[in-house]
């Protein structure tokens, strides 16, 4: 009987890692955390507002689990709160996206296209790729050929196919479920960025407390 009563007053909270909201949105408990509780208790707490986005907020907000606990204990007495895993949620305020004009998009596409082409050509020039092809052609056929297209054309096709396989995408279509090296690097970058934001926010919070 005691275990049933204890369970009725127990809430298990696991904070989500990241959340996207719009300006002036109200963030509820179920938005920022995964919850486990008795059905009646869960229904009474899951829609509790724990944060209200205002004009003073920047695009990144760090919501600490202590804020969540404070919100719950203010409205419900004798509540047993168990926190599991993360203790902070990164709230990203998504503002209205600025539409990119077609001429600007074409300009960026051309810059990337010719920049990548020049990088590949400069690399091949540095490693004397043309001379290598000429040498391979002479070794195989015993003849001199300044433009061994029979080697250069398959090499160029293979280079393009290799880039497609490396990035694991053909336009928007993914070749398989395995993440590409670029996606892994972007994931690591986002993880490091999130960690920096959390640590920096903690330092700012401690500084504000010290100033007061």
N, C-alpha and C. Protein backbone atom coordinates (compact mmCIF):
# COMPACT_ATOMS: atom_id res chain seq x y z
N UNK A 1 0.83 -1.21 0.00
CA UNK A 1 0.00 0.00 0.00
C UNK A 1 0.86 1.25 0.00
N UNK A 2 1.94 1.22 0.77
CA UNK A 2 2.84 2.36 0.81
C UNK A 2 3.50 2.60 -0.54
N UNK A 3 3.83 1.52 -1.27
CA UNK A 3 4.47 1.66 -2.58
C UNK A 3 3.53 2.30 -3.58
N UNK A 4 2.23 1.97 -3.51
CA UNK A 4 1.26 2.57 -4.42
C UNK A 4 1.15 4.05 -4.18
N UNK A 5 1.05 4.46 -2.91
CA UNK A 5 0.95 5.87 -2.59
C UNK A 5 2.20 6.63 -3.00
N UNK A 6 3.37 5.99 -2.82
CA UNK A 6 4.62 6.63 -3.22
C UNK A 6 4.66 6.84 -4.72
N UNK A 7 4.18 5.87 -5.47
CA UNK A 7 4.17 5.99 -6.92
C UNK A 7 3.22 7.08 -7.38
N UNK A 8 2.12 7.28 -6.66
CA UNK A 8 1.15 8.29 -7.05
C UNK A 8 1.74 9.70 -6.96
N UNK A 9 2.75 9.91 -6.12
CA UNK A 9 3.35 11.23 -5.95
C UNK A 9 4.73 11.34 -6.60
N UNK A 10 5.10 10.36 -7.41
CA UNK A 10 6.43 10.35 -8.02
C UNK A 10 6.35 10.74 -9.49
N UNK A 11 7.27 11.62 -9.87
CA UNK A 11 7.39 12.04 -11.28
C UNK A 11 8.83 11.81 -11.72
N UNK A 12 9.00 11.07 -12.80
CA UNK A 12 10.32 10.87 -13.39
C UNK A 12 10.47 11.82 -14.57
N UNK A 13 11.57 12.57 -14.56
CA UNK A 13 11.79 13.61 -15.57
C UNK A 13 13.10 13.35 -16.30
N UNK A 14 13.04 13.35 -17.61
CA UNK A 14 14.25 13.33 -18.43
C UNK A 14 14.18 14.52 -19.38
N UNK A 15 15.08 15.47 -19.20
CA UNK A 15 15.08 16.67 -20.03
C UNK A 15 15.48 16.34 -21.46
N UNK A 16 14.81 16.97 -22.42
CA UNK A 16 15.18 16.80 -23.82
C UNK A 16 16.45 17.60 -24.10
N UNK A 17 17.18 17.17 -25.13
CA UNK A 17 18.44 17.84 -25.44
C UNK A 17 18.21 19.21 -26.09
N UNK A 18 17.34 19.26 -27.08
CA UNK A 18 17.14 20.51 -27.83
C UNK A 18 15.68 20.62 -28.24
N UNK A 19 15.20 21.86 -28.27
CA UNK A 19 13.81 22.14 -28.59
C UNK A 19 13.74 23.41 -29.42
N UNK A 20 12.92 23.41 -30.45
CA UNK A 20 12.71 24.60 -31.27
C UNK A 20 11.34 25.19 -31.00
N UNK A 21 11.30 26.51 -30.81
CA UNK A 21 10.04 27.21 -30.56
C UNK A 21 9.99 28.46 -31.41
N UNK A 22 8.80 29.06 -31.46
CA UNK A 22 8.60 30.32 -32.15
C UNK A 22 8.62 31.47 -31.14
N UNK A 23 8.86 32.69 -31.60
CA UNK A 23 8.80 33.83 -30.67
C UNK A 23 7.43 33.91 -29.98
N UNK A 24 7.46 34.23 -28.69
CA UNK A 24 6.27 34.40 -27.85
C UNK A 24 5.55 33.09 -27.56
N UNK A 25 6.17 31.94 -27.86
CA UNK A 25 5.57 30.65 -27.52
C UNK A 25 5.65 30.40 -26.02
N UNK A 26 4.72 29.62 -25.53
CA UNK A 26 4.76 29.14 -24.15
C UNK A 26 5.29 27.71 -24.15
N UNK A 27 6.33 27.47 -23.38
CA UNK A 27 6.97 26.15 -23.33
C UNK A 27 6.39 25.39 -22.14
N UNK A 28 5.79 24.24 -22.42
CA UNK A 28 5.19 23.43 -21.36
C UNK A 28 6.15 22.35 -20.90
N UNK A 29 5.78 21.70 -19.81
CA UNK A 29 6.63 20.66 -19.24
C UNK A 29 6.83 19.51 -20.21
N UNK A 30 5.78 19.09 -20.90
CA UNK A 30 5.92 17.97 -21.83
C UNK A 30 6.73 18.36 -23.07
N UNK A 31 6.88 19.66 -23.33
CA UNK A 31 7.71 20.10 -24.44
C UNK A 31 9.19 19.91 -24.15
N UNK A 32 9.59 20.17 -22.90
CA UNK A 32 11.02 20.16 -22.56
C UNK A 32 11.48 18.86 -21.93
N UNK A 33 10.54 17.97 -21.57
CA UNK A 33 10.96 16.76 -20.86
C UNK A 33 10.07 15.58 -21.18
N UNK A 34 10.66 14.40 -21.08
CA UNK A 34 9.90 13.15 -21.10
C UNK A 34 9.45 12.86 -19.68
N UNK A 35 8.20 12.48 -19.52
CA UNK A 35 7.62 12.34 -18.19
C UNK A 35 7.06 10.93 -17.97
N UNK A 36 7.25 10.43 -16.77
CA UNK A 36 6.60 9.19 -16.34
C UNK A 36 5.98 9.47 -14.98
N UNK A 37 4.68 9.25 -14.89
CA UNK A 37 3.97 9.45 -13.62
C UNK A 37 2.64 8.73 -13.69
N UNK A 38 1.97 8.66 -12.56
CA UNK A 38 0.63 8.10 -12.52
C UNK A 38 -0.28 8.93 -13.43
N UNK A 39 -1.22 8.28 -14.12
CA UNK A 39 -2.00 8.93 -15.17
C UNK A 39 -2.64 10.24 -14.72
N UNK A 40 -3.27 10.23 -13.57
CA UNK A 40 -3.93 11.44 -13.10
C UNK A 40 -2.95 12.57 -12.84
N UNK A 41 -1.82 12.24 -12.23
CA UNK A 41 -0.79 13.23 -11.96
C UNK A 41 -0.17 13.75 -13.24
N UNK A 42 0.06 12.83 -14.20
CA UNK A 42 0.65 13.23 -15.47
C UNK A 42 -0.24 14.22 -16.21
N UNK A 43 -1.53 13.96 -16.23
CA UNK A 43 -2.47 14.86 -16.90
C UNK A 43 -2.49 16.24 -16.26
N UNK A 44 -2.26 16.31 -14.96
CA UNK A 44 -2.34 17.59 -14.25
C UNK A 44 -1.08 18.43 -14.38
N UNK A 45 0.06 17.80 -14.78
CA UNK A 45 1.31 18.55 -14.81
C UNK A 45 1.89 18.74 -16.21
N UNK A 46 1.52 17.89 -17.17
CA UNK A 46 2.23 17.90 -18.45
C UNK A 46 2.06 19.20 -19.23
N UNK A 47 0.96 19.92 -19.01
CA UNK A 47 0.72 21.16 -19.73
C UNK A 47 1.06 22.40 -18.91
N UNK A 48 1.77 22.22 -17.80
CA UNK A 48 2.21 23.35 -17.00
C UNK A 48 3.25 24.15 -17.78
N UNK A 49 3.08 25.45 -17.80
CA UNK A 49 4.03 26.32 -18.52
C UNK A 49 5.25 26.54 -17.65
N UNK A 50 6.42 26.21 -18.19
CA UNK A 50 7.68 26.40 -17.45
C UNK A 50 8.48 27.58 -17.97
N UNK A 51 8.15 28.05 -19.16
CA UNK A 51 8.87 29.22 -19.70
C UNK A 51 8.03 29.89 -20.77
N UNK A 52 8.10 31.22 -20.80
CA UNK A 52 7.42 32.02 -21.81
C UNK A 52 8.45 32.81 -22.58
N UNK A 53 8.52 32.60 -23.88
CA UNK A 53 9.49 33.29 -24.72
C UNK A 53 9.05 34.75 -24.89
N UNK A 54 9.97 35.67 -24.62
CA UNK A 54 9.69 37.10 -24.73
C UNK A 54 10.62 37.76 -25.75
N UNK A 55 10.37 39.03 -26.00
CA UNK A 55 11.21 39.78 -26.95
C UNK A 55 12.62 39.98 -26.43
N UNK A 56 12.81 39.88 -25.11
CA UNK A 56 14.14 40.06 -24.54
C UNK A 56 15.03 38.85 -24.77
N UNK A 57 14.43 37.71 -25.03
CA UNK A 57 15.22 36.49 -25.24
C UNK A 57 15.94 36.53 -26.58
N UNK A 58 17.14 35.98 -26.57
CA UNK A 58 17.88 35.84 -27.82
C UNK A 58 17.48 34.53 -28.48
N UNK A 59 18.25 34.10 -29.45
CA UNK A 59 17.83 32.90 -30.20
C UNK A 59 18.12 31.60 -29.46
N UNK A 60 18.92 31.66 -28.40
CA UNK A 60 19.22 30.46 -27.62
C UNK A 60 18.87 30.72 -26.15
N UNK A 61 18.10 29.78 -25.58
CA UNK A 61 17.71 29.83 -24.17
C UNK A 61 18.10 28.50 -23.53
N UNK A 62 18.71 28.57 -22.36
CA UNK A 62 19.06 27.36 -21.61
C UNK A 62 18.07 27.23 -20.47
N UNK A 63 17.31 26.13 -20.50
CA UNK A 63 16.32 25.87 -19.45
C UNK A 63 16.84 24.77 -18.53
N UNK A 64 17.07 25.12 -17.27
CA UNK A 64 17.63 24.17 -16.31
C UNK A 64 16.51 23.38 -15.64
N UNK A 65 16.84 22.15 -15.24
CA UNK A 65 15.86 21.30 -14.59
C UNK A 65 15.38 21.90 -13.27
N UNK A 66 16.19 22.74 -12.64
CA UNK A 66 15.77 23.39 -11.40
C UNK A 66 14.58 24.30 -11.63
N UNK A 67 14.51 24.90 -12.81
CA UNK A 67 13.35 25.73 -13.16
C UNK A 67 12.10 24.85 -13.25
N UNK A 68 12.25 23.67 -13.81
CA UNK A 68 11.13 22.73 -13.92
C UNK A 68 10.67 22.27 -12.54
N UNK A 69 11.63 21.92 -11.70
CA UNK A 69 11.29 21.47 -10.35
C UNK A 69 10.59 22.58 -9.57
N UNK A 70 11.09 23.79 -9.72
CA UNK A 70 10.48 24.94 -9.04
C UNK A 70 9.03 25.13 -9.48
N UNK A 71 8.79 24.98 -10.79
CA UNK A 71 7.43 25.13 -11.31
C UNK A 71 6.50 24.07 -10.73
N UNK A 72 6.97 22.84 -10.65
CA UNK A 72 6.14 21.75 -10.13
C UNK A 72 5.86 21.90 -8.63
N UNK A 73 6.88 22.22 -7.88
CA UNK A 73 6.70 22.32 -6.43
C UNK A 73 5.86 23.54 -6.04
N UNK A 74 5.77 24.53 -6.91
CA UNK A 74 4.93 25.69 -6.63
C UNK A 74 3.44 25.36 -6.70
N UNK A 75 3.09 24.33 -7.51
CA UNK A 75 1.67 24.03 -7.72
C UNK A 75 1.24 22.73 -7.05
N UNK A 76 2.19 21.85 -6.73
CA UNK A 76 1.84 20.56 -6.13
C UNK A 76 2.73 20.31 -4.92
N UNK A 77 2.13 20.07 -3.78
CA UNK A 77 2.87 19.79 -2.56
C UNK A 77 3.20 18.29 -2.47
N UNK A 78 4.20 17.99 -1.68
CA UNK A 78 4.57 16.60 -1.38
C UNK A 78 4.77 15.79 -2.66
N UNK A 79 5.58 16.37 -3.59
CA UNK A 79 5.84 15.71 -4.87
C UNK A 79 7.24 15.13 -4.87
N UNK A 80 7.37 13.86 -5.23
CA UNK A 80 8.67 13.19 -5.31
C UNK A 80 9.16 13.25 -6.75
N UNK A 81 10.18 14.06 -7.00
CA UNK A 81 10.68 14.28 -8.36
C UNK A 81 12.00 13.56 -8.53
N UNK A 82 12.08 12.73 -9.55
CA UNK A 82 13.30 11.98 -9.88
C UNK A 82 13.79 12.43 -11.25
N UNK A 83 14.99 12.99 -11.29
CA UNK A 83 15.57 13.49 -12.54
C UNK A 83 16.51 12.43 -13.10
N UNK A 84 16.33 12.09 -14.37
CA UNK A 84 17.15 11.08 -15.04
C UNK A 84 17.83 11.72 -16.24
N UNK A 85 19.13 11.50 -16.38
CA UNK A 85 19.84 11.96 -17.58
C UNK A 85 20.14 13.45 -17.57
N UNK A 86 19.88 14.10 -18.68
CA UNK A 86 20.23 15.51 -18.87
C UNK A 86 19.54 16.39 -17.85
N UNK A 87 20.19 17.49 -17.51
CA UNK A 87 19.62 18.43 -16.56
C UNK A 87 19.33 19.79 -17.19
N UNK A 88 19.60 19.92 -18.48
CA UNK A 88 19.35 21.20 -19.16
C UNK A 88 18.84 20.94 -20.57
N UNK A 89 17.96 21.83 -21.02
CA UNK A 89 17.44 21.77 -22.38
C UNK A 89 17.81 23.05 -23.11
N UNK A 90 18.28 22.91 -24.33
CA UNK A 90 18.57 24.07 -25.17
C UNK A 90 17.33 24.41 -25.98
N UNK A 91 16.81 25.60 -25.75
CA UNK A 91 15.63 26.06 -26.49
C UNK A 91 16.09 27.02 -27.57
N UNK A 92 15.84 26.66 -28.81
CA UNK A 92 16.22 27.50 -29.95
C UNK A 92 14.99 28.24 -30.46
N UNK A 93 15.06 29.56 -30.43
CA UNK A 93 13.96 30.39 -30.91
C UNK A 93 14.13 30.57 -32.42
N UNK A 94 13.19 30.03 -33.19
CA UNK A 94 13.27 30.07 -34.65
C UNK A 94 12.44 31.24 -35.15
N UNK A 95 13.12 32.21 -35.71
CA UNK A 95 12.43 33.37 -36.25
C UNK A 95 12.07 33.12 -37.71
N UNK A 96 11.29 34.00 -38.26
CA UNK A 96 10.85 33.85 -39.64
C UNK A 96 12.05 33.84 -40.58
N UNK A 97 12.07 32.82 -41.43
CA UNK A 97 13.19 32.66 -42.34
C UNK A 97 13.14 33.69 -43.46
N UNK A 98 14.32 34.22 -43.77
CA UNK A 98 14.42 35.17 -44.88
C UNK A 98 14.57 34.38 -46.19
N UNK A 99 13.68 34.63 -47.11
CA UNK A 99 13.72 33.91 -48.38
C UNK A 99 14.88 34.40 -49.24
N UNK A 100 15.60 33.44 -49.79
CA UNK A 100 16.76 33.77 -50.62
C UNK A 100 16.29 33.95 -52.05
N UNK A 101 16.69 35.06 -52.66
CA UNK A 101 16.28 35.33 -54.04
C UNK A 101 16.99 34.38 -54.99
N UNK A 102 16.37 34.14 -56.14
CA UNK A 102 16.94 33.21 -57.13
C UNK A 102 18.29 33.70 -57.66
N UNK A 103 18.46 34.98 -58.00
CA UNK A 103 19.80 35.43 -58.46
C UNK A 103 20.88 35.20 -57.41
N UNK A 104 20.56 35.45 -56.14
CA UNK A 104 21.54 35.23 -55.07
C UNK A 104 21.88 33.75 -54.95
N UNK A 105 20.86 32.88 -55.08
CA UNK A 105 21.09 31.44 -55.02
C UNK A 105 21.99 30.99 -56.17
N UNK A 106 21.73 31.50 -57.37
CA UNK A 106 22.55 31.14 -58.53
C UNK A 106 23.98 31.60 -58.35
N UNK A 107 24.16 32.81 -57.79
CA UNK A 107 25.50 33.33 -57.56
C UNK A 107 26.27 32.44 -56.59
N UNK A 108 25.63 32.04 -55.48
CA UNK A 108 26.29 31.17 -54.51
C UNK A 108 26.62 29.82 -55.14
N UNK A 109 25.69 29.29 -55.95
CA UNK A 109 25.91 28.00 -56.61
C UNK A 109 27.12 28.08 -57.54
N UNK A 110 27.23 29.15 -58.31
CA UNK A 110 28.36 29.31 -59.23
C UNK A 110 29.67 29.44 -58.48
N UNK A 111 29.66 30.19 -57.37
CA UNK A 111 30.88 30.35 -56.59
C UNK A 111 31.36 29.00 -56.04
N UNK A 112 30.40 28.21 -55.52
CA UNK A 112 30.77 26.90 -54.98
C UNK A 112 31.24 25.95 -56.09
N UNK A 113 30.55 26.01 -57.23
CA UNK A 113 30.89 25.10 -58.34
C UNK A 113 32.30 25.38 -58.86
N UNK A 114 32.57 26.65 -59.18
CA UNK A 114 33.88 26.97 -59.75
C UNK A 114 34.98 26.89 -58.68
N UNK A 115 34.63 27.20 -57.43
CA UNK A 115 35.61 27.07 -56.36
C UNK A 115 36.03 25.62 -56.17
N UNK A 116 35.06 24.70 -56.18
CA UNK A 116 35.38 23.28 -56.05
C UNK A 116 36.18 22.79 -57.26
N UNK A 117 35.79 23.25 -58.46
CA UNK A 117 36.50 22.84 -59.68
C UNK A 117 37.96 23.30 -59.65
N UNK A 118 38.18 24.55 -59.23
CA UNK A 118 39.55 25.06 -59.15
C UNK A 118 40.37 24.32 -58.11
N UNK A 119 39.72 23.97 -56.98
CA UNK A 119 40.44 23.23 -55.94
C UNK A 119 40.89 21.87 -56.45
N UNK A 120 40.01 21.17 -57.18
CA UNK A 120 40.36 19.86 -57.73
C UNK A 120 41.47 19.99 -58.77
N UNK A 121 41.35 20.99 -59.65
CA UNK A 121 42.37 21.18 -60.69
C UNK A 121 43.72 21.53 -60.09
N UNK A 122 43.72 22.41 -59.07
CA UNK A 122 44.99 22.77 -58.43
C UNK A 122 45.63 21.58 -57.74
N UNK A 123 44.79 20.73 -57.13
CA UNK A 123 45.33 19.52 -56.49
C UNK A 123 45.97 18.61 -57.53
N UNK A 124 45.30 18.40 -58.66
CA UNK A 124 45.84 17.54 -59.71
C UNK A 124 47.12 18.12 -60.30
N UNK A 125 47.18 19.45 -60.36
CA UNK A 125 48.39 20.09 -60.88
C UNK A 125 49.55 19.90 -59.90
N UNK A 126 49.24 19.99 -58.61
CA UNK A 126 50.29 19.84 -57.59
C UNK A 126 50.89 18.43 -57.60
N UNK A 127 50.04 17.43 -57.82
CA UNK A 127 50.53 16.04 -57.79
C UNK A 127 50.89 15.54 -59.19
N UNK A 128 50.84 16.43 -60.20
CA UNK A 128 51.21 16.08 -61.59
C UNK A 128 50.39 14.89 -62.09
N UNK A 129 49.06 15.00 -61.95
CA UNK A 129 48.18 13.89 -62.33
C UNK A 129 48.26 13.59 -63.83
N UNK A 130 48.38 14.63 -64.66
CA UNK A 130 48.46 14.39 -66.10
C UNK A 130 49.73 13.60 -66.45
N UNK A 131 50.83 13.95 -65.81
CA UNK A 131 52.08 13.22 -66.05
C UNK A 131 51.97 11.77 -65.58
N UNK A 132 51.25 11.57 -64.50
CA UNK A 132 51.05 10.21 -63.99
C UNK A 132 50.26 9.38 -64.99
N UNK A 133 49.19 9.97 -65.55
CA UNK A 133 48.39 9.26 -66.55
C UNK A 133 49.23 8.95 -67.79
N UNK A 134 50.03 9.91 -68.21
CA UNK A 134 50.89 9.67 -69.37
C UNK A 134 51.87 8.53 -69.10
N UNK A 135 52.41 8.50 -67.90
CA UNK A 135 53.37 7.46 -67.54
C UNK A 135 52.69 6.10 -67.50
N UNK A 136 51.49 6.03 -66.90
CA UNK A 136 50.76 4.77 -66.83
C UNK A 136 50.42 4.27 -68.23
N UNK A 137 50.01 5.20 -69.11
CA UNK A 137 49.66 4.82 -70.48
C UNK A 137 50.88 4.24 -71.20
N UNK A 138 52.05 4.86 -70.98
CA UNK A 138 53.26 4.38 -71.64
C UNK A 138 53.67 3.01 -71.11
N UNK A 139 53.50 2.80 -69.79
CA UNK A 139 53.85 1.51 -69.20
C UNK A 139 52.96 0.40 -69.76
N UNK A 140 51.66 0.70 -69.96
CA UNK A 140 50.72 -0.32 -70.41
C UNK A 140 50.86 -0.58 -71.91
N UNK A 141 50.97 0.51 -72.71
CA UNK A 141 50.95 0.36 -74.18
C UNK A 141 52.33 0.44 -74.80
N UNK A 142 53.26 1.04 -74.10
CA UNK A 142 54.59 1.23 -74.67
C UNK A 142 54.66 2.41 -75.61
N UNK A 143 53.62 3.23 -75.69
CA UNK A 143 53.57 4.38 -76.59
C UNK A 143 53.41 5.67 -75.81
N UNK A 144 53.92 6.77 -76.41
CA UNK A 144 53.76 8.09 -75.82
C UNK A 144 52.39 8.66 -76.22
N UNK A 145 51.72 9.31 -75.27
CA UNK A 145 50.44 9.96 -75.55
C UNK A 145 50.27 11.13 -74.59
N UNK A 146 50.26 12.35 -75.14
CA UNK A 146 50.15 13.54 -74.30
C UNK A 146 48.76 13.69 -73.68
N UNK A 147 47.75 13.09 -74.31
CA UNK A 147 46.38 13.16 -73.79
C UNK A 147 45.78 11.75 -73.74
N UNK A 148 46.14 10.99 -72.72
CA UNK A 148 45.62 9.62 -72.62
C UNK A 148 44.16 9.62 -72.13
N UNK A 149 43.25 9.96 -73.02
CA UNK A 149 41.84 10.09 -72.64
C UNK A 149 41.25 8.76 -72.15
N UNK A 150 41.80 7.67 -72.61
CA UNK A 150 41.29 6.36 -72.19
C UNK A 150 41.47 6.14 -70.68
N UNK A 151 42.40 6.89 -70.10
CA UNK A 151 42.59 6.87 -68.64
C UNK A 151 41.92 8.05 -67.97
N UNK A 152 41.99 9.21 -68.62
CA UNK A 152 41.49 10.43 -67.99
C UNK A 152 39.96 10.46 -67.87
N UNK A 153 39.26 9.96 -68.88
CA UNK A 153 37.79 9.99 -68.84
C UNK A 153 37.24 9.07 -67.75
N UNK A 154 37.66 7.79 -67.68
CA UNK A 154 37.19 6.95 -66.56
C UNK A 154 37.58 7.51 -65.19
N UNK A 155 38.76 8.11 -65.13
CA UNK A 155 39.20 8.70 -63.85
C UNK A 155 38.26 9.84 -63.43
N UNK A 156 37.89 10.68 -64.40
CA UNK A 156 37.00 11.80 -64.09
C UNK A 156 35.61 11.31 -63.66
N UNK A 157 35.10 10.29 -64.36
CA UNK A 157 33.80 9.71 -63.97
C UNK A 157 33.88 9.10 -62.57
N UNK A 158 34.96 8.38 -62.32
CA UNK A 158 35.14 7.76 -61.01
C UNK A 158 35.28 8.79 -59.89
N UNK A 159 35.90 9.91 -60.21
CA UNK A 159 36.03 10.98 -59.22
C UNK A 159 34.66 11.52 -58.82
N UNK A 160 33.80 11.72 -59.82
CA UNK A 160 32.46 12.21 -59.54
C UNK A 160 31.64 11.21 -58.75
N UNK A 161 31.70 9.93 -59.16
CA UNK A 161 30.96 8.89 -58.43
C UNK A 161 31.49 8.72 -57.01
N UNK A 162 32.78 8.87 -56.86
CA UNK A 162 33.37 8.77 -55.52
C UNK A 162 32.87 9.87 -54.60
N UNK A 163 32.70 11.09 -55.11
CA UNK A 163 32.17 12.18 -54.31
C UNK A 163 30.72 11.91 -53.91
N UNK A 164 29.95 11.34 -54.84
CA UNK A 164 28.55 11.02 -54.53
C UNK A 164 28.48 9.98 -53.42
N UNK A 165 29.31 8.92 -53.52
CA UNK A 165 29.33 7.88 -52.49
C UNK A 165 29.85 8.42 -51.16
N UNK A 166 30.80 9.32 -51.22
CA UNK A 166 31.38 9.88 -50.00
C UNK A 166 30.34 10.69 -49.22
N UNK A 167 29.59 11.54 -49.92
CA UNK A 167 28.59 12.38 -49.26
C UNK A 167 27.24 11.67 -49.11
N UNK A 168 27.10 10.49 -49.73
CA UNK A 168 25.92 9.65 -49.53
C UNK A 168 24.62 10.34 -49.94
N UNK A 169 24.69 11.23 -50.91
CA UNK A 169 23.49 11.93 -51.38
C UNK A 169 23.55 12.13 -52.89
N UNK A 170 22.40 11.99 -53.51
CA UNK A 170 22.23 12.44 -54.89
C UNK A 170 21.12 13.49 -54.84
N UNK A 171 21.53 14.75 -54.88
CA UNK A 171 20.64 15.87 -54.61
C UNK A 171 20.04 15.67 -53.21
N UNK A 172 18.71 15.48 -53.07
CA UNK A 172 18.12 15.30 -51.75
C UNK A 172 17.92 13.84 -51.37
N UNK A 173 18.24 12.94 -52.28
CA UNK A 173 18.02 11.53 -52.02
C UNK A 173 19.24 10.89 -51.37
N UNK A 174 19.00 10.19 -50.26
CA UNK A 174 20.07 9.49 -49.55
C UNK A 174 20.24 8.09 -50.14
N UNK A 175 21.49 7.67 -50.34
CA UNK A 175 21.76 6.36 -50.93
C UNK A 175 21.49 5.25 -49.94
N UNK A 176 21.85 5.45 -48.67
CA UNK A 176 21.57 4.46 -47.63
C UNK A 176 21.43 5.19 -46.30
N UNK A 177 21.18 4.42 -45.24
CA UNK A 177 20.91 5.03 -43.93
C UNK A 177 22.18 5.44 -43.19
N UNK A 178 23.33 5.03 -43.69
CA UNK A 178 24.57 5.38 -43.01
C UNK A 178 24.86 6.87 -43.16
N UNK A 179 25.19 7.56 -42.08
CA UNK A 179 25.48 9.00 -42.19
C UNK A 179 26.76 9.24 -42.96
N UNK A 180 26.77 10.32 -43.71
CA UNK A 180 27.97 10.67 -44.47
C UNK A 180 28.99 11.31 -43.54
N UNK A 181 30.27 11.34 -43.94
CA UNK A 181 31.30 12.00 -43.11
C UNK A 181 30.95 13.46 -42.83
N UNK A 182 30.33 14.13 -43.79
CA UNK A 182 29.94 15.52 -43.57
C UNK A 182 28.88 15.63 -42.48
N UNK A 183 27.90 14.71 -42.49
CA UNK A 183 26.86 14.72 -41.46
C UNK A 183 27.45 14.42 -40.08
N UNK A 184 28.42 13.51 -40.02
CA UNK A 184 29.07 13.21 -38.75
C UNK A 184 29.81 14.42 -38.22
N UNK A 185 30.52 15.12 -39.11
CA UNK A 185 31.24 16.32 -38.69
C UNK A 185 30.29 17.41 -38.25
N UNK A 186 29.15 17.57 -38.94
CA UNK A 186 28.16 18.55 -38.54
C UNK A 186 27.55 18.19 -37.18
N UNK A 187 27.34 16.89 -36.95
CA UNK A 187 26.81 16.44 -35.66
C UNK A 187 27.80 16.76 -34.54
N UNK A 188 29.08 16.45 -34.77
CA UNK A 188 30.09 16.74 -33.75
C UNK A 188 30.20 18.24 -33.49
N UNK A 189 30.10 19.02 -34.57
CA UNK A 189 30.16 20.47 -34.41
C UNK A 189 28.98 20.97 -33.58
N UNK A 190 27.77 20.43 -33.84
CA UNK A 190 26.58 20.84 -33.10
C UNK A 190 26.69 20.44 -31.63
N UNK A 191 27.24 19.24 -31.37
CA UNK A 191 27.42 18.80 -29.99
C UNK A 191 28.38 19.71 -29.24
N UNK A 192 29.49 20.06 -29.89
CA UNK A 192 30.47 20.95 -29.27
C UNK A 192 29.88 22.35 -29.05
N UNK A 193 29.09 22.81 -30.01
CA UNK A 193 28.46 24.12 -29.89
C UNK A 193 27.46 24.13 -28.74
N UNK A 194 26.66 23.07 -28.63
CA UNK A 194 25.69 22.99 -27.54
C UNK A 194 26.39 22.96 -26.19
N UNK A 195 27.48 22.20 -26.10
CA UNK A 195 28.22 22.12 -24.85
C UNK A 195 28.80 23.48 -24.48
N UNK A 196 29.30 24.20 -25.46
CA UNK A 196 29.84 25.54 -25.21
C UNK A 196 28.76 26.48 -24.72
N UNK A 197 27.58 26.43 -25.37
CA UNK A 197 26.48 27.31 -24.98
C UNK A 197 26.06 27.04 -23.55
N UNK A 198 25.96 25.75 -23.17
CA UNK A 198 25.55 25.39 -21.81
C UNK A 198 26.57 25.87 -20.78
N UNK A 199 27.85 25.61 -21.05
CA UNK A 199 28.90 26.02 -20.11
C UNK A 199 28.95 27.52 -19.99
N UNK A 200 28.85 28.23 -21.12
CA UNK A 200 28.89 29.68 -21.10
C UNK A 200 27.70 30.26 -20.35
N UNK A 201 26.52 29.64 -20.51
CA UNK A 201 25.33 30.11 -19.81
C UNK A 201 25.48 29.90 -18.31
N UNK A 202 26.07 28.78 -17.92
CA UNK A 202 26.31 28.52 -16.50
C UNK A 202 27.25 29.55 -15.90
N UNK A 203 28.29 29.93 -16.67
CA UNK A 203 29.22 30.95 -16.19
C UNK A 203 28.51 32.29 -16.02
N UNK A 204 27.65 32.63 -17.00
CA UNK A 204 26.92 33.90 -16.92
C UNK A 204 25.97 33.90 -15.74
N UNK A 205 25.32 32.77 -15.47
CA UNK A 205 24.40 32.68 -14.34
C UNK A 205 25.13 32.86 -13.02
N UNK A 206 26.29 32.21 -12.90
CA UNK A 206 27.08 32.34 -11.68
C UNK A 206 27.56 33.78 -11.51
N UNK A 207 27.89 34.44 -12.61
CA UNK A 207 28.35 35.82 -12.54
C UNK A 207 27.24 36.74 -12.08
N UNK A 208 26.00 36.51 -12.59
CA UNK A 208 24.89 37.34 -12.17
C UNK A 208 24.57 37.14 -10.70
N UNK A 209 24.66 35.90 -10.22
CA UNK A 209 24.41 35.63 -8.81
C UNK A 209 25.46 36.31 -7.94
N UNK A 210 26.71 36.27 -8.39
CA UNK A 210 27.81 36.90 -7.64
C UNK A 210 27.63 38.41 -7.59
N UNK A 211 27.20 39.01 -8.71
CA UNK A 211 27.00 40.47 -8.75
C UNK A 211 25.90 40.92 -7.80
N UNK A 212 24.85 40.06 -7.69
CA UNK A 212 23.75 40.40 -6.79
C UNK A 212 24.15 40.22 -5.33
